[in-house]
Amino acid sequence: MRAQFTDPQIAQILTDFQMADIDDTTKAILGFAVKVTKAAPTITPADLDHLRSYGLTDEALFAIVEIVGFFNYVNRIADAFGIELDDFLEQRRDFT
C-alpha cells in the first residue's frame, strides 16, 4: 500500500476506508476484503458482479481472496502464538 498511497491516505484507510480519500474501486475491494474476512459464507454472485462492474477480472477476484485468506491465516497463527507481527517483520527486515 505504501507505494500507492500517501501516509495520510493510509491513516484514513485504517480509520474508515469508506470515508478515505481513495478511489471507488479501492473502496469496493477493501469492502470485499472485509466481507471475505468476517463473513465469507455470505458472499453472493452479486458481490462478485459488483467488483466486476469496476473492471476487475475473475483472476483479480481470485487474487484478492487469496491475499486476504493468506493474511487471515498468518494473523491467526501469530495470534495463537502471541507473535507481534510488526516486531517480527521489523527484525526480519534487518536481516535482508
PDB file of N, CA and C in Angstrom:
ATOM      1  N   MET A   1       0.812  -1.190   0.000  1.00  0.00           N
ATOM      2  CA  MET A   1       0.000   0.000   0.000  1.00  0.00           C
ATOM      3  C   MET A   1       0.858   1.257   0.000  1.00  0.00           C
ATOM      4  N   ARG A   2       2.002   1.177   0.632  1.00  0.00           N
ATOM      5  CA  ARG A   2       2.826   2.381   0.748  1.00  0.00           C
ATOM      6  C   ARG A   2       3.228   2.928  -0.618  1.00  0.00           C
ATOM      7  N   ALA A   3       3.372   2.073  -1.597  1.00  0.00           N
ATOM      8  CA  ALA A   3       3.771   2.535  -2.924  1.00  0.00           C
ATOM      9  C   ALA A   3       2.649   3.286  -3.627  1.00  0.00           C
ATOM     10  N   GLN A   4       1.412   2.978  -3.282  1.00  0.00           N
ATOM     11  CA  GLN A   4       0.271   3.563  -3.980  1.00  0.00           C
ATOM     12  C   GLN A   4      -0.377   4.725  -3.230  1.00  0.00           C
ATOM     13  N   PHE A   5      -0.266   4.731  -1.903  1.00  0.00           N
ATOM     14  CA  PHE A   5      -0.978   5.725  -1.100  1.00  0.00           C
ATOM     15  C   PHE A   5      -0.016   6.531  -0.239  1.00  0.00           C
ATOM     16  N   THR A   6      -0.427   7.749   0.080  1.00  0.00           N
ATOM     17  CA  THR A   6       0.352   8.603   0.973  1.00  0.00           C
ATOM     18  C   THR A   6       0.094   8.177   2.421  1.00  0.00           C
ATOM     19  N   ASP A   7       0.949   8.626   3.330  1.00  0.00           N
ATOM     20  CA  ASP A   7       0.742   8.320   4.748  1.00  0.00           C
ATOM     21  C   ASP A   7      -0.617   8.809   5.249  1.00  0.00           C
ATOM     22  N   PRO A   8      -1.052  10.035   4.888  1.00  0.00           N
ATOM     23  CA  PRO A   8      -2.383  10.466   5.333  1.00  0.00           C
ATOM     24  C   PRO A   8      -3.506   9.574   4.784  1.00  0.00           C
ATOM     25  N   GLN A   9      -3.373   9.121   3.540  1.00  0.00           N
ATOM     26  CA  GLN A   9      -4.386   8.223   2.986  1.00  0.00           C
ATOM     27  C   GLN A   9      -4.410   6.898   3.739  1.00  0.00           C
ATOM     28  N   ILE A  10      -3.244   6.372   4.060  1.00  0.00           N
ATOM     29  CA  ILE A  10      -3.181   5.112   4.806  1.00  0.00           C
ATOM     30  C   ILE A  10      -3.834   5.287   6.167  1.00  0.00           C
ATOM     31  N   ALA A  11      -3.574   6.405   6.820  1.00  0.00           N
ATOM     32  CA  ALA A  11      -4.216   6.674   8.115  1.00  0.00           C
ATOM     33  C   ALA A  11      -5.730   6.729   7.957  1.00  0.00           C
ATOM     34  N   GLN A  12      -6.210   7.360   6.890  1.00  0.00           N
ATOM     35  CA  GLN A  12      -7.651   7.416   6.640  1.00  0.00           C
ATOM     36  C   GLN A  12      -8.214   6.019   6.385  1.00  0.00           C
ATOM     37  N   ILE A  13      -7.505   5.219   5.603  1.00  0.00           N
ATOM     38  CA  ILE A  13      -7.951   3.859   5.300  1.00  0.00           C
ATOM     39  C   ILE A  13      -8.071   3.053   6.582  1.00  0.00           C
ATOM     40  N   LEU A  14      -7.087   3.168   7.453  1.00  0.00           N
ATOM     41  CA  LEU A  14      -7.107   2.414   8.706  1.00  0.00           C
ATOM     42  C   LEU A  14      -8.212   2.885   9.635  1.00  0.00           C
ATOM     43  N   THR A  15      -8.577   4.159   9.548  1.00  0.00           N
ATOM     44  CA  THR A  15      -9.639   4.706  10.392  1.00  0.00           C
ATOM     45  C   THR A  15     -11.008   4.357   9.841  1.00  0.00           C
ATOM     46  N   ASP A  16     -11.239   4.650   8.560  1.00  0.00           N
ATOM     47  CA  ASP A  16     -12.531   4.371   7.917  1.00  0.00           C
ATOM     48  C   ASP A  16     -12.334   4.451   6.412  1.00  0.00           C
ATOM     49  N   PHE A  17     -12.074   3.300   5.797  1.00  0.00           N
ATOM     50  CA  PHE A  17     -11.748   3.317   4.372  1.00  0.00           C
ATOM     51  C   PHE A  17     -12.883   3.862   3.513  1.00  0.00           C
ATOM     52  N   GLN A  18     -14.127   3.751   3.983  1.00  0.00           N
ATOM     53  CA  GLN A  18     -15.253   4.263   3.194  1.00  0.00           C
ATOM     54  C   GLN A  18     -15.218   5.790   3.081  1.00  0.00           C
ATOM     55  N   MET A  19     -14.634   6.441   4.065  1.00  0.00           N
ATOM     56  CA  MET A  19     -14.551   7.904   4.059  1.00  0.00           C
ATOM     57  C   MET A  19     -13.180   8.407   3.585  1.00  0.00           C
ATOM     58  N   ALA A  20     -12.266   7.492   3.310  1.00  0.00           N
ATOM     59  CA  ALA A  20     -10.909   7.872   2.919  1.00  0.00           C
ATOM     60  C   ALA A  20     -10.893   8.515   1.533  1.00  0.00           C
ATOM     61  N   ASP A  21      -9.884   9.317   1.308  1.00  0.00           N
ATOM     62  CA  ASP A  21      -9.681   9.982   0.026  1.00  0.00           C
ATOM     63  C   ASP A  21      -8.966   9.024  -0.931  1.00  0.00           C
ATOM     64  N   ILE A  22      -9.708   7.987  -1.347  1.00  0.00           N
ATOM     65  CA  ILE A  22      -9.195   6.976  -2.271  1.00  0.00           C
ATOM     66  C   ILE A  22     -10.269   6.716  -3.325  1.00  0.00           C
ATOM     67  N   ASP A  23      -9.884   6.050  -4.396  1.00  0.00           N
ATOM     68  CA  ASP A  23     -10.821   5.819  -5.492  1.00  0.00           C
ATOM     69  C   ASP A  23     -11.878   4.772  -5.116  1.00  0.00           C
ATOM     70  N   ASP A  24     -12.983   4.810  -5.841  1.00  0.00           N
ATOM     71  CA  ASP A  24     -14.111   3.922  -5.550  1.00  0.00           C
ATOM     72  C   ASP A  24     -13.778   2.449  -5.759  1.00  0.00           C
ATOM     73  N   THR A  25     -12.916   2.150  -6.724  1.00  0.00           N
ATOM     74  CA  THR A  25     -12.525   0.753  -6.944  1.00  0.00           C
ATOM     75  C   THR A  25     -11.818   0.202  -5.716  1.00  0.00           C
ATOM     76  N   THR A  26     -10.899   0.976  -5.167  1.00  0.00           N
ATOM     77  CA  THR A  26     -10.176   0.532  -3.972  1.00  0.00           C
ATOM     78  C   THR A  26     -11.131   0.367  -2.799  1.00  0.00           C
ATOM     79  N   LYS A  27     -12.073   1.279  -2.654  1.00  0.00           N
ATOM     80  CA  LYS A  27     -13.073   1.145  -1.583  1.00  0.00           C
ATOM     81  C   LYS A  27     -13.875  -0.142  -1.749  1.00  0.00           C
ATOM     82  N   ALA A  28     -14.253  -0.466  -2.987  1.00  0.00           N
ATOM     83  CA  ALA A  28     -15.006  -1.694  -3.237  1.00  0.00           C
ATOM     84  C   ALA A  28     -14.169  -2.926  -2.902  1.00  0.00           C
ATOM     85  N   ILE A  29     -12.901  -2.904  -3.278  1.00  0.00           N
ATOM     86  CA  ILE A  29     -12.007  -4.027  -2.978  1.00  0.00           C
ATOM     87  C   ILE A  29     -11.846  -4.185  -1.469  1.00  0.00           C
ATOM     88  N   LEU A  30     -11.640  -3.085  -0.760  1.00  0.00           N
ATOM     89  CA  LEU A  30     -11.477  -3.158   0.694  1.00  0.00           C
ATOM     90  C   LEU A  30     -12.755  -3.650   1.368  1.00  0.00           C
ATOM     91  N   GLY A  31     -13.906  -3.198   0.891  1.00  0.00           N
ATOM     92  CA  GLY A  31     -15.168  -3.683   1.441  1.00  0.00           C
ATOM     93  C   GLY A  31     -15.327  -5.175   1.236  1.00  0.00           C
ATOM     94  N   PHE A  32     -14.945  -5.647   0.063  1.00  0.00           N
ATOM     95  CA  PHE A  32     -14.998  -7.080  -0.223  1.00  0.00           C
ATOM     96  C   PHE A  32     -14.017  -7.839   0.669  1.00  0.00           C
ATOM     97  N   ALA A  33     -12.829  -7.283   0.871  1.00  0.00           N
ATOM     98  CA  ALA A  33     -11.835  -7.923   1.742  1.00  0.00           C
ATOM     99  C   ALA A  33     -12.372  -8.079   3.158  1.00  0.00           C
ATOM    100  N   VAL A  34     -13.073  -7.067   3.640  1.00  0.00           N
ATOM    101  CA  VAL A  34     -13.690  -7.158   4.972  1.00  0.00           C
ATOM    102  C   VAL A  34     -14.718  -8.282   4.988  1.00  0.00           C
ATOM    103  N   LYS A  35     -15.522  -8.377   3.936  1.00  0.00           N
ATOM    104  CA  LYS A  35     -16.549  -9.419   3.888  1.00  0.00           C
ATOM    105  C   LYS A  35     -15.918 -10.807   3.807  1.00  0.00           C
ATOM    106  N   VAL A  36     -14.841 -10.952   3.039  1.00  0.00           N
ATOM    107  CA  VAL A  36     -14.129 -12.231   2.975  1.00  0.00           C
ATOM    108  C   VAL A  36     -13.633 -12.612   4.367  1.00  0.00           C
ATOM    109  N   THR A  37     -13.140 -11.633   5.111  1.00  0.00           N
ATOM    110  CA  THR A  37     -12.594 -11.882   6.444  1.00  0.00           C
ATOM    111  C   THR A  37     -13.673 -12.204   7.467  1.00  0.00           C
ATOM    112  N   LYS A  38     -14.743 -11.434   7.468  1.00  0.00           N
ATOM    113  CA  LYS A  38     -15.737 -11.540   8.537  1.00  0.00           C
ATOM    114  C   LYS A  38     -16.942 -12.403   8.200  1.00  0.00           C
ATOM    115  N   ALA A  39     -17.235 -12.580   6.917  1.00  0.00           N
ATOM    116  CA  ALA A  39     -18.484 -13.268   6.566  1.00  0.00           C
ATOM    117  C   ALA A  39     -18.389 -13.950   5.206  1.00  0.00           C
ATOM    118  N   ALA A  40     -17.311 -14.668   4.962  1.00  0.00           N
ATOM    119  CA  ALA A  40     -17.106 -15.294   3.652  1.00  0.00           C
ATOM    120  C   ALA A  40     -18.289 -16.145   3.180  1.00  0.00           C
ATOM    121  N   PRO A  41     -18.943 -16.901   4.074  1.00  0.00           N
ATOM    122  CA  PRO A  41     -20.063 -17.724   3.586  1.00  0.00           C
ATOM    123  C   PRO A  41     -21.238 -16.916   3.039  1.00  0.00           C
ATOM    124  N   THR A  42     -21.278 -15.626   3.331  1.00  0.00           N
ATOM    125  CA  THR A  42     -22.402 -14.810   2.865  1.00  0.00           C
ATOM    126  C   THR A  42     -22.126 -14.117   1.529  1.00  0.00           C
ATOM    127  N   ILE A  43     -20.948 -14.345   0.960  1.00  0.00           N
ATOM    128  CA  ILE A  43     -20.627 -13.735  -0.331  1.00  0.00           C
ATOM    129  C   ILE A  43     -21.523 -14.345  -1.404  1.00  0.00           C
ATOM    130  N   THR A  44     -22.077 -13.475  -2.232  1.00  0.00           N
ATOM    131  CA  THR A  44     -23.011 -13.903  -3.270  1.00  0.00           C
ATOM    132  C   THR A  44     -22.466 -13.531  -4.653  1.00  0.00           C
ATOM    133  N   PRO A  45     -23.065 -14.087  -5.692  1.00  0.00           N
ATOM    134  CA  PRO A  45     -22.676 -13.663  -7.044  1.00  0.00           C
ATOM    135  C   PRO A  45     -22.822 -12.152  -7.243  1.00  0.00           C
ATOM    136  N   ALA A  46     -23.765 -11.536  -6.556  1.00  0.00           N
ATOM    137  CA  ALA A  46     -23.935 -10.084  -6.665  1.00  0.00           C
ATOM    138  C   ALA A  46     -22.707  -9.343  -6.139  1.00  0.00           C
ATOM    139  N   ASP A  47     -22.085  -9.865  -5.084  1.00  0.00           N
ATOM    140  CA  ASP A  47     -20.855  -9.247  -4.570  1.00  0.00           C
ATOM    141  C   ASP A  47     -19.761  -9.283  -5.634  1.00  0.00           C
ATOM    142  N   LEU A  48     -19.628 -10.413  -6.296  1.00  0.00           N
ATOM    143  CA  LEU A  48     -18.611 -10.556  -7.336  1.00  0.00           C
ATOM    144  C   LEU A  48     -18.934  -9.677  -8.542  1.00  0.00           C
ATOM    145  N   ASP A  49     -20.205  -9.635  -8.914  1.00  0.00           N
ATOM    146  CA  ASP A  49     -20.615  -8.777 -10.032  1.00  0.00           C
ATOM    147  C   ASP A  49     -20.350  -7.305  -9.727  1.00  0.00           C
ATOM    148  N   HIS A  50     -20.543  -6.920  -8.470  1.00  0.00           N
ATOM    149  CA  HIS A  50     -20.263  -5.534  -8.072  1.00  0.00           C
ATOM    150  C   HIS A  50     -18.798  -5.196  -8.346  1.00  0.00           C
ATOM    151  N   LEU A  51     -17.901  -6.099  -7.986  1.00  0.00           N
ATOM    152  CA  LEU A  51     -16.479  -5.859  -8.239  1.00  0.00           C
ATOM    153  C   LEU A  51     -16.170  -5.887  -9.732  1.00  0.00           C
ATOM    154  N   ARG A  52     -16.822  -6.784 -10.455  1.00  0.00           N
ATOM    155  CA  ARG A  52     -16.621  -6.829 -11.907  1.00  0.00           C
ATOM    156  C   ARG A  52     -17.047  -5.515 -12.562  1.00  0.00           C
ATOM    157  N   SER A  53     -18.038  -4.846 -11.964  1.00  0.00           N
ATOM    158  CA  SER A  53     -18.510  -3.577 -12.539  1.00  0.00           C
ATOM    159  C   SER A  53     -17.430  -2.493 -12.501  1.00  0.00           C
ATOM    160  N   TYR A  54     -16.398  -2.700 -11.694  1.00  0.00           N
ATOM    161  CA  TYR A  54     -15.254  -1.784 -11.647  1.00  0.00           C
ATOM    162  C   TYR A  54     -14.150  -2.217 -12.609  1.00  0.00           C
ATOM    163  N   GLY A  55     -14.426  -3.254 -13.392  1.00  0.00           N
ATOM    164  CA  GLY A  55     -13.449  -3.722 -14.366  1.00  0.00           C
ATOM    165  C   GLY A  55     -12.544  -4.826 -13.868  1.00  0.00           C
ATOM    166  N   LEU A  56     -12.813  -5.343 -12.674  1.00  0.00           N
ATOM    167  CA  LEU A  56     -11.979  -6.417 -12.140  1.00  0.00           C
ATOM    168  C   LEU A  56     -12.328  -7.736 -12.827  1.00  0.00           C
ATOM    169  N   THR A  57     -11.310  -8.496 -13.155  1.00  0.00           N
ATOM    170  CA  THR A  57     -11.496  -9.798 -13.791  1.00  0.00           C
ATOM    171  C   THR A  57     -11.681 -10.875 -12.729  1.00  0.00           C
ATOM    172  N   ASP A  58     -12.098 -12.054 -13.171  1.00  0.00           N
ATOM    173  CA  ASP A  58     -12.209 -13.173 -12.239  1.00  0.00           C
ATOM    174  C   ASP A  58     -10.845 -13.520 -11.646  1.00  0.00           C
ATOM    175  N   GLU A  59      -9.799 -13.369 -12.441  1.00  0.00           N
ATOM    176  CA  GLU A  59      -8.447 -13.619 -11.928  1.00  0.00           C
ATOM    177  C   GLU A  59      -8.102 -12.635 -10.812  1.00  0.00           C
ATOM    178  N   ALA A  60      -8.500 -11.389 -10.978  1.00  0.00           N
ATOM    179  CA  ALA A  60      -8.253 -10.382  -9.937  1.00  0.00           C
ATOM    180  C   ALA A  60      -9.052 -10.705  -8.682  1.00  0.00           C
ATOM    181  N   LEU A  61     -10.300 -11.139  -8.853  1.00  0.00           N
ATOM    182  CA  LEU A  61     -11.120 -11.505  -7.694  1.00  0.00           C
ATOM    183  C   LEU A  61     -10.491 -12.672  -6.950  1.00  0.00           C
ATOM    184  N   PHE A  62     -10.006 -13.653  -7.695  1.00  0.00           N
ATOM    185  CA  PHE A  62      -9.350 -14.796  -7.065  1.00  0.00           C
ATOM    186  C   PHE A  62      -8.113 -14.341  -6.297  1.00  0.00           C
ATOM    187  N   ALA A  63      -7.336 -13.446  -6.891  1.00  0.00           N
ATOM    188  CA  ALA A  63      -6.130 -12.937  -6.225  1.00  0.00           C
ATOM    189  C   ALA A  63      -6.484 -12.197  -4.944  1.00  0.00           C
ATOM    190  N   ILE A  64      -7.556 -11.416  -4.969  1.00  0.00           N
ATOM    191  CA  ILE A  64      -7.985 -10.705  -3.757  1.00  0.00           C
ATOM    192  C   ILE A  64      -8.309 -11.701  -2.655  1.00  0.00           C
ATOM    193  N   VAL A  65      -9.083 -12.732  -2.993  1.00  0.00           N
ATOM    194  CA  VAL A  65      -9.460 -13.733  -1.985  1.00  0.00           C
ATOM    195  C   VAL A  65      -8.223 -14.474  -1.487  1.00  0.00           C
ATOM    196  N   GLU A  66      -7.300 -14.797  -2.390  1.00  0.00           N
ATOM    197  CA  GLU A  66      -6.056 -15.464  -1.985  1.00  0.00           C
ATOM    198  C   GLU A  66      -5.263 -14.617  -0.995  1.00  0.00           C
ATOM    199  N   ILE A  67      -5.091 -13.357  -1.314  1.00  0.00           N
ATOM    200  CA  ILE A  67      -4.292 -12.471  -0.464  1.00  0.00           C
ATOM    201  C   ILE A  67      -4.962 -12.258   0.887  1.00  0.00           C
ATOM    202  N   VAL A  68      -6.258 -12.000   0.872  1.00  0.00           N
ATOM    203  CA  VAL A  68      -6.989 -11.817   2.131  1.00  0.00           C
ATOM    204  C   VAL A  68      -6.904 -13.090   2.967  1.00  0.00           C
ATOM    205  N   GLY A  69      -7.113 -14.239   2.328  1.00  0.00           N
ATOM    206  CA  GLY A  69      -7.033 -15.512   3.043  1.00  0.00           C
ATOM    207  C   GLY A  69      -5.655 -15.751   3.632  1.00  0.00           C
ATOM    208  N   PHE A  70      -4.617 -15.426   2.878  1.00  0.00           N
ATOM    209  CA  PHE A  70      -3.258 -15.604   3.369  1.00  0.00           C
ATOM    210  C   PHE A  70      -3.004 -14.749   4.606  1.00  0.00           C
ATOM    211  N   PHE A  71      -3.386 -13.485   4.539  1.00  0.00           N
ATOM    212  CA  PHE A  71      -3.154 -12.610   5.689  1.00  0.00           C
ATOM    213  C   PHE A  71      -3.986 -13.039   6.892  1.00  0.00           C
ATOM    214  N   ASN A  72      -5.208 -13.511   6.658  1.00  0.00           N
ATOM    215  CA  ASN A  72      -6.010 -14.033   7.765  1.00  0.00           C
ATOM    216  C   ASN A  72      -5.328 -15.243   8.392  1.00  0.00           C
ATOM    217  N   TYR A  73      -4.791 -16.111   7.566  1.00  0.00           N
ATOM    218  CA  TYR A  73      -4.078 -17.301   8.027  1.00  0.00           C
ATOM    219  C   TYR A  73      -2.865 -16.913   8.880  1.00  0.00           C
ATOM    220  N   VAL A  74      -2.045 -16.025   8.356  1.00  0.00           N
ATOM    221  CA  VAL A  74      -0.841 -15.601   9.078  1.00  0.00           C
ATOM    222  C   VAL A  74      -1.210 -14.929  10.398  1.00  0.00           C
ATOM    223  N   ASN A  75      -2.221 -14.079  10.380  1.00  0.00           N
ATOM    224  CA  ASN A  75      -2.628 -13.398  11.610  1.00  0.00           C
ATOM    225  C   ASN A  75      -3.140 -14.373  12.653  1.00  0.00           C
ATOM    226  N   ARG A  76      -3.860 -15.395  12.245  1.00  0.00           N
ATOM    227  CA  ARG A  76      -4.358 -16.373  13.217  1.00  0.00           C
ATOM    228  C   ARG A  76      -3.213 -17.163  13.848  1.00  0.00           C
ATOM    229  N   ILE A  77      -2.236 -17.537  13.049  1.00  0.00           N
ATOM    230  CA  ILE A  77      -1.066 -18.231  13.601  1.00  0.00           C
ATOM    231  C   ILE A  77      -0.331 -17.312  14.568  1.00  0.00           C
ATOM    232  N   ALA A  78      -0.114 -16.083  14.166  1.00  0.00           N
ATOM    233  CA  ALA A  78       0.575 -15.129  15.040  1.00  0.00           C
ATOM    234  C   ALA A  78      -0.205 -14.918  16.328  1.00  0.00           C
ATOM    235  N   ASP A  79      -1.517 -14.774  16.222  1.00  0.00           N
ATOM    236  CA  ASP A  79      -2.343 -14.593  17.422  1.00  0.00           C
ATOM    237  C   ASP A  79      -2.259 -15.806  18.337  1.00  0.00           C
ATOM    238  N   ALA A  80      -2.294 -16.999  17.756  1.00  0.00           N
ATOM    239  CA  ALA A  80      -2.263 -18.224  18.557  1.00  0.00           C
ATOM    240  C   ALA A  80      -0.960 -18.361  19.339  1.00  0.00           C
ATOM    241  N   PHE A  81       0.131 -17.871  18.769  1.00  0.00           N
ATOM    242  CA  PHE A  81       1.427 -17.985  19.429  1.00  0.00           C
ATOM    243  C   PHE A  81       1.886 -16.688  20.082  1.00  0.00           C
ATOM    244  N   GLY A  82       1.041 -15.676  20.058  1.00  0.00           N
ATOM    245  CA  GLY A  82       1.387 -14.414  20.698  1.00  0.00           C
ATOM    246  C   GLY A  82       2.511 -13.664  20.012  1.00  0.00           C
ATOM    247  N   ILE A  83       2.643 -13.856  18.715  1.00  0.00           N
ATOM    248  CA  ILE A  83       3.698 -13.186  17.959  1.00  0.00           C
ATOM    249  C   ILE A  83       3.207 -11.808  17.536  1.00  0.00           C
ATOM    250  N   GLU A  84       3.988 -10.789  17.829  1.00  0.00           N
ATOM    251  CA  GLU A  84       3.685  -9.438  17.368  1.00  0.00           C
ATOM    252  C   GLU A  84       4.291  -9.296  15.980  1.00  0.00           C
ATOM    253  N   LEU A  85       3.469  -9.287  14.957  1.00  0.00           N
ATOM    254  CA  LEU A  85       3.977  -9.289  13.588  1.00  0.00           C
ATOM    255  C   LEU A  85       4.791  -8.053  13.255  1.00  0.00           C
ATOM    256  N   ASP A  86       4.414  -6.898  13.760  1.00  0.00           N
ATOM    257  CA  ASP A  86       5.187  -5.693  13.460  1.00  0.00           C
ATOM    258  C   ASP A  86       6.619  -5.834  13.953  1.00  0.00           C
ATOM    259  N   ASP A  87       6.789  -6.362  15.167  1.00  0.00           N
ATOM    260  CA  ASP A  87       8.130  -6.569  15.707  1.00  0.00           C
ATOM    261  C   ASP A  87       8.884  -7.610  14.890  1.00  0.00           C
ATOM    262  N   PHE A  88       8.204  -8.696  14.545  1.00  0.00           N
ATOM    263  CA  PHE A  88       8.822  -9.769  13.770  1.00  0.00           C
ATOM    264  C   PHE A  88       9.280  -9.256  12.404  1.00  0.00           C
ATOM    265  N   LEU A  89       8.416  -8.521  11.729  1.00  0.00           N
ATOM    266  CA  LEU A  89       8.767  -8.014  10.401  1.00  0.00           C
ATOM    267  C   LEU A  89       9.893  -6.994  10.473  1.00  0.00           C
ATOM    268  N   GLU A  90       9.905  -6.190  11.514  1.00  0.00           N
ATOM    269  CA  GLU A  90      10.985  -5.213  11.687  1.00  0.00           C
ATOM    270  C   GLU A  90      12.321  -5.930  11.877  1.00  0.00           C
ATOM    271  N   GLN A  91      12.342  -6.983  12.691  1.00  0.00           N
ATOM    272  CA  GLN A  91      13.567  -7.747  12.907  1.00  0.00           C
ATOM    273  C   GLN A  91      14.004  -8.430  11.620  1.00  0.00           C
ATOM    274  N   ARG A  92      13.050  -8.978  10.892  1.00  0.00           N
ATOM    275  CA  ARG A  92      13.360  -9.675   9.637  1.00  0.00           C
ATOM    276  C   ARG A  92      13.966  -8.706   8.622  1.00  0.00           C
ATOM    277  N   ARG A  93      13.463  -7.504   8.573  1.00  0.00           N
ATOM    278  CA  ARG A  93      13.965  -6.507   7.623  1.00  0.00           C
ATOM    279  C   ARG A  93      15.445  -6.226   7.881  1.00  0.00           C
ATOM    280  N   ASP A  94      15.872  -6.301   9.133  1.00  0.00           N
ATOM    281  CA  ASP A  94      17.271  -6.052   9.464  1.00  0.00           C
ATOM    282  C   ASP A  94      18.198  -7.105   8.869  1.00  0.00           C
ATOM    283  N   PHE A  95      17.665  -8.304   8.570  1.00  0.00           N
ATOM    284  CA  PHE A  95      18.484  -9.389   8.043  1.00  0.00           C
ATOM    285  C   PHE A  95      18.492  -9.432   6.523  1.00  0.00           C
ATOM    286  N   THR A  96      17.668  -8.642   5.879  1.00  0.00           N
ATOM    287  CA  THR A  96      17.601  -8.703   4.408  1.00  0.00           C
ATOM    288  C   THR A  96      18.312  -7.545   3.766  1.00  0.00           C
TER     289      THR A  96
END
